[in-house]
Protein backbone atom coordinates (compact mmCIF):
# COMPACT_ATOMS: atom_id res chain seq x y z
CA UNK A 1 53.11 -108.15 -136.32
CA UNK A 2 54.48 -111.29 -137.90
CA UNK A 3 52.90 -112.73 -141.02
CA UNK A 4 53.71 -116.38 -140.45
CA UNK A 5 51.56 -117.37 -143.39
CA UNK A 6 50.42 -115.30 -146.35
CA UNK A 7 46.91 -114.89 -144.92
CA UNK A 8 47.46 -114.81 -141.13
CA UNK A 9 48.88 -111.99 -138.98
CA UNK A 10 50.44 -112.80 -135.61
CA UNK A 11 50.87 -110.19 -132.90
CA UNK A 12 52.27 -110.58 -129.38
CA UNK A 13 52.34 -107.84 -126.76
CA UNK A 14 53.28 -107.96 -123.10
CA UNK A 15 50.95 -106.31 -120.60
CA UNK A 16 51.39 -105.68 -116.87
CA UNK A 17 48.73 -108.04 -115.49
CA UNK A 18 49.52 -111.00 -117.75
CA UNK A 19 52.69 -112.39 -119.26
CA UNK A 20 51.81 -112.10 -122.92
CA UNK A 21 48.99 -111.47 -125.36
CA UNK A 22 49.13 -113.36 -128.61
CA UNK A 23 46.65 -112.64 -131.40
CA UNK A 24 46.24 -114.55 -134.65
CA UNK A 25 44.09 -112.58 -137.07
CA UNK A 26 43.36 -113.41 -140.69
CA UNK A 27 44.81 -110.83 -143.07
CA UNK A 28 42.66 -109.26 -145.77
CA UNK A 29 42.86 -111.27 -148.98
CA UNK A 30 42.74 -108.16 -151.19
CA UNK A 31 46.16 -106.84 -150.04
CA UNK A 32 49.74 -107.97 -150.52
CA UNK A 33 51.26 -107.67 -147.03
CA UNK A 34 54.96 -108.25 -146.34
CA UNK A 35 55.99 -110.45 -143.42
CA UNK A 36 57.11 -108.37 -140.45
CA UNK A 37 57.37 -108.22 -136.67
CA UNK A 38 56.51 -105.24 -134.43
CA UNK A 39 57.03 -104.90 -130.69
CA UNK A 40 54.96 -102.43 -128.65
CA UNK A 41 56.48 -101.88 -125.17
CA UNK A 42 54.08 -99.01 -124.33
CA UNK A 43 50.30 -99.34 -124.57
CA UNK A 44 47.53 -96.92 -123.51
CA UNK A 45 46.32 -97.64 -119.97
CA UNK A 46 43.70 -95.96 -117.81
CA UNK A 47 41.61 -96.65 -114.72
CA UNK A 48 37.83 -96.71 -114.34
CA UNK A 49 36.80 -97.28 -110.73
CA UNK A 50 38.83 -100.21 -109.37
CA UNK A 51 39.57 -101.54 -112.84
CA UNK A 52 42.69 -100.90 -114.91
CA UNK A 53 42.25 -101.20 -118.67
CA UNK A 54 45.10 -101.61 -121.15
CA UNK A 55 44.29 -101.17 -124.83
CA UNK A 56 46.26 -103.80 -126.74
CA UNK A 57 44.95 -103.02 -130.22
CA UNK A 58 42.43 -100.71 -131.90
CA UNK A 59 40.77 -97.61 -130.53
CA UNK A 60 38.32 -97.10 -127.69
CA UNK A 61 36.29 -94.19 -126.37
CA UNK A 62 35.63 -94.64 -122.64
CA UNK A 63 32.38 -93.81 -120.85
CA UNK A 64 34.02 -90.59 -119.60
CA UNK A 65 34.67 -89.53 -123.20
CA UNK A 66 38.43 -90.18 -123.28
CA UNK A 67 39.65 -91.54 -126.61
CA UNK A 68 42.42 -94.15 -126.52
CA UNK A 69 44.35 -95.39 -129.55
CA UNK A 70 46.77 -98.32 -129.46
CA UNK A 71 49.95 -97.89 -131.52
CA UNK A 72 49.61 -101.39 -132.99
CA UNK A 73 49.54 -101.98 -136.73
CA UNK A 74 46.16 -103.29 -137.91
CA UNK A 75 44.79 -104.68 -141.15
CA UNK A 76 41.39 -105.67 -139.71
CA UNK A 77 39.28 -103.49 -137.43
CA UNK A 78 39.49 -105.13 -134.00
CA UNK A 79 39.65 -103.94 -130.38
CA UNK A 80 41.62 -105.71 -127.64
CA UNK A 81 41.46 -104.61 -123.99
CA UNK A 82 43.23 -106.25 -121.05
CA UNK A 83 41.05 -105.75 -117.96
CA UNK A 84 42.72 -105.95 -114.54
CA UNK A 85 40.62 -105.87 -111.35
CA UNK A 86 42.60 -104.42 -108.42
CA UNK A 87 40.97 -106.68 -105.81
CA UNK A 88 38.25 -109.27 -105.48
CA UNK A 89 34.87 -107.67 -105.36
CA UNK A 90 31.56 -107.80 -107.12
CA UNK A 91 31.60 -105.59 -110.15
CA UNK A 92 28.68 -104.98 -112.42
CA UNK A 93 30.26 -103.80 -115.65
CA UNK A 94 28.49 -100.87 -117.17
CA UNK A 95 30.85 -99.72 -119.87
CA UNK A 96 29.30 -97.03 -121.98
CA UNK A 97 32.28 -96.70 -124.25
CA UNK A 98 32.31 -96.83 -128.02
CA UNK A 99 34.49 -99.09 -130.12
């Protein structure tokens, strides 16, 4: 995570189905946070039906009860999931997971 400004955090992670994920998230104003950069080459990934999910930040409990936790450093509670559909088809999302 790179603090480009004193109140903004910048995070970039590479995932399999896209080239890059870049997040700009406001940092909490009640903390003094040093500028830094973190790279996360491995992220939790799992499959539900014909959909692959990659957790880029935060934690997620899937409909099957599996708990996934991304290794990313966080200052604000947020969840990021990269969703990759294996092939074109009609999919009615019915995620029963908890954030």
